[in-house]
PDB file of N, CA and C in Angstrom:
ATOM      1  N   MET A   1      48.826  59.203 140.427  1.00  0.00           N
ATOM      2  CA  MET A   1      48.698  57.758 140.397  1.00  0.00           C
ATOM      3  C   MET A   1      47.612  57.351 141.402  1.00  0.00           C
ATOM      4  N   ALA A   2      46.490  56.960 140.912  1.00  0.00           N
ATOM      5  CA  ALA A   2      45.393  56.529 141.768  1.00  0.00           C
ATOM      6  C   ALA A   2      45.279  55.017 141.722  1.00  0.00           C
ATOM      7  N   SER A   3      44.651  54.478 142.724  1.00  0.00           N
ATOM      8  CA  SER A   3      44.475  53.021 142.786  1.00  0.00           C
ATOM      9  C   SER A   3      43.249  52.699 143.631  1.00  0.00           C
ATOM     10  N   ASP A   4      43.114  51.433 143.946  1.00  0.00           N
ATOM     11  CA  ASP A   4      41.999  50.980 144.762  1.00  0.00           C
ATOM     12  C   ASP A   4      42.455  50.825 146.216  1.00  0.00           C
ATOM     13  N   LEU A   5      41.527  51.021 147.140  1.00  0.00           N
ATOM     14  CA  LEU A   5      41.826  50.904 148.564  1.00  0.00           C
ATOM     15  C   LEU A   5      40.669  50.221 149.260  1.00  0.00           C
ATOM     16  N   VAL A   6      41.005  49.296 150.153  1.00  0.00           N
ATOM     17  CA  VAL A   6      40.005  48.660 151.005  1.00  0.00           C
ATOM     18  C   VAL A   6      40.347  49.035 152.446  1.00  0.00           C
ATOM     19  N   VAL A   7      39.387  49.618 153.137  1.00  0.00           N
ATOM     20  CA  VAL A   7      39.554  49.992 154.531  1.00  0.00           C
ATOM     21  C   VAL A   7      38.703  49.059 155.374  1.00  0.00           C
ATOM     22  N   GLU A   8      39.334  48.356 156.299  1.00  0.00           N
ATOM     23  CA  GLU A   8      38.612  47.507 157.240  1.00  0.00           C
ATOM     24  C   GLU A   8      38.645  48.173 158.598  1.00  0.00           C
ATOM     25  N   THR A   9      37.468  48.368 159.187  1.00  0.00           N
ATOM     26  CA  THR A   9      37.369  49.079 160.449  1.00  0.00           C
ATOM     27  C   THR A   9      36.270  48.488 161.310  1.00  0.00           C
ATOM     28  N   ASP A  10      36.425  48.667 162.634  1.00  0.00           N
ATOM     29  CA  ASP A  10      35.365  48.228 163.547  1.00  0.00           C
ATOM     30  C   ASP A  10      34.458  49.403 163.913  1.00  0.00           C
ATOM     31  N   VAL A  11      34.619  50.526 163.230  1.00  0.00           N
ATOM     32  CA  VAL A  11      33.786  51.709 163.460  1.00  0.00           C
ATOM     33  C   VAL A  11      32.677  51.737 162.407  1.00  0.00           C
ATOM     34  N   ALA A  12      31.486  51.344 162.811  1.00  0.00           N
ATOM     35  CA  ALA A  12      30.364  51.261 161.871  1.00  0.00           C
ATOM     36  C   ALA A  12      30.052  52.607 161.239  1.00  0.00           C
ATOM     37  N   LEU A  13      30.204  53.690 161.989  1.00  0.00           N
ATOM     38  CA  LEU A  13      29.921  55.023 161.434  1.00  0.00           C
ATOM     39  C   LEU A  13      30.843  55.321 160.253  1.00  0.00           C
ATOM     40  N   LEU A  14      32.094  54.917 160.354  1.00  0.00           N
ATOM     41  CA  LEU A  14      33.030  55.157 159.257  1.00  0.00           C
ATOM     42  C   LEU A  14      32.639  54.385 158.007  1.00  0.00           C
ATOM     43  N   VAL A  15      32.059  53.214 158.189  1.00  0.00           N
ATOM     44  CA  VAL A  15      31.612  52.402 157.063  1.00  0.00           C
ATOM     45  C   VAL A  15      30.371  53.004 156.427  1.00  0.00           C
ATOM     46  N   ASN A  16      29.437  53.450 157.222  1.00  0.00           N
ATOM     47  CA  ASN A  16      28.139  53.908 156.722  1.00  0.00           C
ATOM     48  C   ASN A  16      28.090  55.376 156.330  1.00  0.00           C
ATOM     49  N   ALA A  17      28.856  56.208 156.970  1.00  0.00           N
ATOM     50  CA  ALA A  17      28.756  57.650 156.783  1.00  0.00           C
ATOM     51  C   ALA A  17      29.021  58.129 155.365  1.00  0.00           C
ATOM     52  N   PRO A  18      30.063  57.649 154.666  1.00  0.00           N
ATOM     53  CA  PRO A  18      30.288  58.180 153.313  1.00  0.00           C
ATOM     54  C   PRO A  18      29.106  57.926 152.364  1.00  0.00           C
ATOM     55  N   HIS A  19      28.396  56.839 152.552  1.00  0.00           N
ATOM     56  CA  HIS A  19      27.274  56.522 151.684  1.00  0.00           C
ATOM     57  C   HIS A  19      26.027  57.330 152.058  1.00  0.00           C
ATOM     58  N   ALA A  20      25.892  57.667 153.319  1.00  0.00           N
ATOM     59  CA  ALA A  20      24.708  58.362 153.807  1.00  0.00           C
ATOM     60  C   ALA A  20      24.945  59.862 153.982  1.00  0.00           C
ATOM     61  N   ASN A  21      26.152  60.327 153.643  1.00  0.00           N
ATOM     62  CA  ASN A  21      26.493  61.745 153.779  1.00  0.00           C
ATOM     63  C   ASN A  21      26.357  62.205 155.240  1.00  0.00           C
ATOM     64  N   LEU A  22      26.812  61.385 156.161  1.00  0.00           N
ATOM     65  CA  LEU A  22      26.724  61.678 157.588  1.00  0.00           C
ATOM     66  C   LEU A  22      28.061  62.179 158.121  1.00  0.00           C
ATOM     67  N   GLU A  23      27.994  62.874 159.232  1.00  0.00           N
ATOM     68  CA  GLU A  23      29.191  63.270 159.962  1.00  0.00           C
ATOM     69  C   GLU A  23      29.120  62.643 161.353  1.00  0.00           C
ATOM     70  N   PRO A  24      30.264  62.450 161.990  1.00  0.00           N
ATOM     71  CA  PRO A  24      30.257  61.797 163.301  1.00  0.00           C
ATOM     72  C   PRO A  24      29.590  62.649 164.356  1.00  0.00           C
ATOM     73  N   PRO A  25      28.873  62.011 165.287  1.00  0.00           N
ATOM     74  CA  PRO A  25      28.224  62.776 166.355  1.00  0.00           C
ATOM     75  C   PRO A  25      29.230  63.338 167.358  1.00  0.00           C
ATOM     76  N   ASP A  26      30.426  62.784 167.417  1.00  0.00           N
ATOM     77  CA  ASP A  26      31.463  63.249 168.333  1.00  0.00           C
ATOM     78  C   ASP A  26      32.251  64.359 167.638  1.00  0.00           C
ATOM     79  N   TRP A  27      32.043  65.586 168.038  1.00  0.00           N
ATOM     80  CA  TRP A  27      32.669  66.726 167.375  1.00  0.00           C
ATOM     81  C   TRP A  27      34.180  66.678 167.464  1.00  0.00           C
ATOM     82  N   ASN A  28      34.736  65.999 168.452  1.00  0.00           N
ATOM     83  CA  ASN A  28      36.196  65.859 168.556  1.00  0.00           C
ATOM     84  C   ASN A  28      36.760  65.037 167.409  1.00  0.00           C
ATOM     85  N   ALA A  29      35.945  64.183 166.832  1.00  0.00           N
ATOM     86  CA  ALA A  29      36.398  63.325 165.735  1.00  0.00           C
ATOM     87  C   ALA A  29      36.141  63.917 164.370  1.00  0.00           C
ATOM     88  N   LEU A  30      35.482  65.051 164.305  1.00  0.00           N
ATOM     89  CA  LEU A  30      35.060  65.622 163.025  1.00  0.00           C
ATOM     90  C   LEU A  30      36.239  65.928 162.098  1.00  0.00           C
ATOM     91  N   ALA A  31      37.306  66.516 162.594  1.00  0.00           N
ATOM     92  CA  ALA A  31      38.456  66.845 161.756  1.00  0.00           C
ATOM     93  C   ALA A  31      39.096  65.593 161.177  1.00  0.00           C
ATOM     94  N   SER A  32      39.251  64.563 161.998  1.00  0.00           N
ATOM     95  CA  SER A  32      39.828  63.306 161.520  1.00  0.00           C
ATOM     96  C   SER A  32      38.923  62.665 160.486  1.00  0.00           C
ATOM     97  N   PHE A  33      37.642  62.703 160.727  1.00  0.00           N
ATOM     98  CA  PHE A  33      36.666  62.135 159.808  1.00  0.00           C
ATOM     99  C   PHE A  33      36.724  62.831 158.448  1.00  0.00           C
ATOM    100  N   ARG A  34      36.797  64.129 158.466  1.00  0.00           N
ATOM    101  CA  ARG A  34      36.874  64.877 157.198  1.00  0.00           C
ATOM    102  C   ARG A  34      38.198  64.588 156.475  1.00  0.00           C
ATOM    103  N   ASN A  35      39.275  64.373 157.225  1.00  0.00           N
ATOM    104  CA  ASN A  35      40.540  63.996 156.617  1.00  0.00           C
ATOM    105  C   ASN A  35      40.409  62.668 155.879  1.00  0.00           C
ATOM    106  N   VAL A  36      39.702  61.727 156.480  1.00  0.00           N
ATOM    107  CA  VAL A  36      39.474  60.430 155.821  1.00  0.00           C
ATOM    108  C   VAL A  36      38.715  60.634 154.525  1.00  0.00           C
ATOM    109  N   LEU A  37      37.688  61.463 154.538  1.00  0.00           N
ATOM    110  CA  LEU A  37      36.920  61.713 153.324  1.00  0.00           C
ATOM    111  C   LEU A  37      37.767  62.394 152.248  1.00  0.00           C
ATOM    112  N   ASP A  38      38.656  63.300 152.660  1.00  0.00           N
ATOM    113  CA  ASP A  38      39.540  63.952 151.698  1.00  0.00           C
ATOM    114  C   ASP A  38      40.488  62.951 151.061  1.00  0.00           C
ATOM    115  N   ILE A  39      41.027  62.051 151.853  1.00  0.00           N
ATOM    116  CA  ILE A  39      41.948  61.030 151.344  1.00  0.00           C
ATOM    117  C   ILE A  39      41.233  60.102 150.370  1.00  0.00           C
ATOM    118  N   CYS A  40      39.959  59.858 150.606  1.00  0.00           N
ATOM    119  CA  CYS A  40      39.182  58.989 149.713  1.00  0.00           C
ATOM    120  C   CYS A  40      39.207  59.503 148.279  1.00  0.00           C
ATOM    121  N   GLY A  41      39.290  60.805 148.119  1.00  0.00           N
ATOM    122  CA  GLY A  41      39.311  61.389 146.792  1.00  0.00           C
ATOM    123  C   GLY A  41      40.583  61.087 145.997  1.00  0.00           C
ATOM    124  N   LEU A  42      41.590  60.537 146.665  1.00  0.00           N
ATOM    125  CA  LEU A  42      42.849  60.219 145.981  1.00  0.00           C
ATOM    126  C   LEU A  42      42.827  58.859 145.300  1.00  0.00           C
ATOM    127  N   PHE A  43      41.764  58.088 145.518  1.00  0.00           N
ATOM    128  CA  PHE A  43      41.688  56.724 144.996  1.00  0.00           C
ATOM    129  C   PHE A  43      40.577  56.610 143.967  1.00  0.00           C
ATOM    130  N   ASP A  44      40.803  55.715 143.002  1.00  0.00           N
ATOM    131  CA  ASP A  44      39.770  55.448 142.000  1.00  0.00           C
ATOM    132  C   ASP A  44      38.577  54.739 142.632  1.00  0.00           C
ATOM    133  N   VAL A  45      38.864  53.771 143.451  1.00  0.00           N
ATOM    134  CA  VAL A  45      37.814  52.979 144.120  1.00  0.00           C
ATOM    135  C   VAL A  45      38.231  52.799 145.568  1.00  0.00           C
ATOM    136  N   ILE A  46      37.307  53.072 146.473  1.00  0.00           N
ATOM    137  CA  ILE A  46      37.572  52.830 147.890  1.00  0.00           C
ATOM    138  C   ILE A  46      36.391  52.083 148.479  1.00  0.00           C
ATOM    139  N   SER A  47      36.689  51.052 149.229  1.00  0.00           N
ATOM    140  CA  SER A  47      35.655  50.239 149.870  1.00  0.00           C
ATOM    141  C   SER A  47      35.874  50.247 151.369  1.00  0.00           C
ATOM    142  N   PHE A  48      34.805  50.460 152.108  1.00  0.00           N
ATOM    143  CA  PHE A  48      34.840  50.384 153.562  1.00  0.00           C
ATOM    144  C   PHE A  48      34.138  49.104 153.968  1.00  0.00           C
ATOM    145  N   LYS A  49      34.810  48.300 154.779  1.00  0.00           N
ATOM    146  CA  LYS A  49      34.223  47.055 155.253  1.00  0.00           C
ATOM    147  C   LYS A  49      34.270  47.028 156.775  1.00  0.00           C
ATOM    148  N   HIS A  50      33.141  46.665 157.353  1.00  0.00           N
ATOM    149  CA  HIS A  50      33.069  46.555 158.805  1.00  0.00           C
ATOM    150  C   HIS A  50      33.584  45.190 159.237  1.00  0.00           C
ATOM    151  N   ILE A  51      34.449  45.190 160.255  1.00  0.00           N
ATOM    152  CA  ILE A  51      34.926  43.958 160.853  1.00  0.00           C
ATOM    153  C   ILE A  51      34.679  44.052 162.349  1.00  0.00           C
ATOM    154  N   SER A  52      34.608  42.928 163.006  1.00  0.00           N
ATOM    155  CA  SER A  52      34.355  42.949 164.455  1.00  0.00           C
ATOM    156  C   SER A  52      35.581  43.479 165.191  1.00  0.00           C
ATOM    157  N   ARG A  53      35.343  44.022 166.344  1.00  0.00           N
ATOM    158  CA  ARG A  53      36.442  44.539 167.168  1.00  0.00           C
ATOM    159  C   ARG A  53      37.440  43.435 167.499  1.00  0.00           C
ATOM    160  N   LEU A  54      36.951  42.230 167.669  1.00  0.00           N
ATOM    161  CA  LEU A  54      37.849  41.102 167.964  1.00  0.00           C
ATOM    162  C   LEU A  54      38.830  40.843 166.827  1.00  0.00           C
ATOM    163  N   LEU A  55      38.421  41.112 165.595  1.00  0.00           N
ATOM    164  CA  LEU A  55      39.296  40.907 164.450  1.00  0.00           C
ATOM    165  C   LEU A  55      40.211  42.112 164.202  1.00  0.00           C
ATOM    166  N   ASN A  56      40.004  43.171 164.948  1.00  0.00           N
ATOM    167  CA  ASN A  56      40.759  44.407 164.765  1.00  0.00           C
ATOM    168  C   ASN A  56      41.759  44.606 165.897  1.00  0.00           C
ATOM    169  N   VAL A  57      42.295  43.534 166.400  1.00  0.00           N
ATOM    170  CA  VAL A  57      43.208  43.567 167.550  1.00  0.00           C
ATOM    171  C   VAL A  57      44.442  44.424 167.245  1.00  0.00           C
ATOM    172  N   ARG A  58      44.950  44.310 166.045  1.00  0.00           N
ATOM    173  CA  ARG A  58      46.151  45.041 165.675  1.00  0.00           C
ATOM    174  C   ARG A  58      45.950  46.560 165.790  1.00  0.00           C
ATOM    175  N   ALA A  59      44.828  47.056 165.310  1.00  0.00           N
ATOM    176  CA  ALA A  59      44.545  48.493 165.397  1.00  0.00           C
ATOM    177  C   ALA A  59      44.284  48.910 166.838  1.00  0.00           C
ATOM    178  N   ASP A  60      43.587  48.093 167.589  1.00  0.00           N
ATOM    179  CA  ASP A  60      43.320  48.421 168.987  1.00  0.00           C
ATOM    180  C   ASP A  60      44.613  48.510 169.795  1.00  0.00           C
ATOM    181  N   ALA A  61      45.623  47.769 169.402  1.00  0.00           N
ATOM    182  CA  ALA A  61      46.907  47.785 170.104  1.00  0.00           C
ATOM    183  C   ALA A  61      47.649  49.128 169.929  1.00  0.00           C
ATOM    184  N   LEU A  62      47.255  49.911 168.933  1.00  0.00           N
ATOM    185  CA  LEU A  62      47.911  51.202 168.687  1.00  0.00           C
ATOM    186  C   LEU A  62      47.533  52.240 169.731  1.00  0.00           C
ATOM    187  N   TYR A  63      46.430  52.041 170.406  1.00  0.00           N
ATOM    188  CA  TYR A  63      45.970  53.025 171.403  1.00  0.00           C
ATOM    189  C   TYR A  63      46.564  52.779 172.702  1.00  0.00           C
TER     190      TYR A  63
END
């Protein structure tokens, strides 16, 4: 069962990398980044949207 997914993030690299075939410069994040790309394959349509860090307060609170 596939569906559509919209990911809103304040990480510009995450928004731009899938389109440009880039990997993160921080090697510590590489495994997590590749996991995100693998999960993308489970959806028919996935959209990445950049939002400002100020609008991402809920996610920042998780750290």
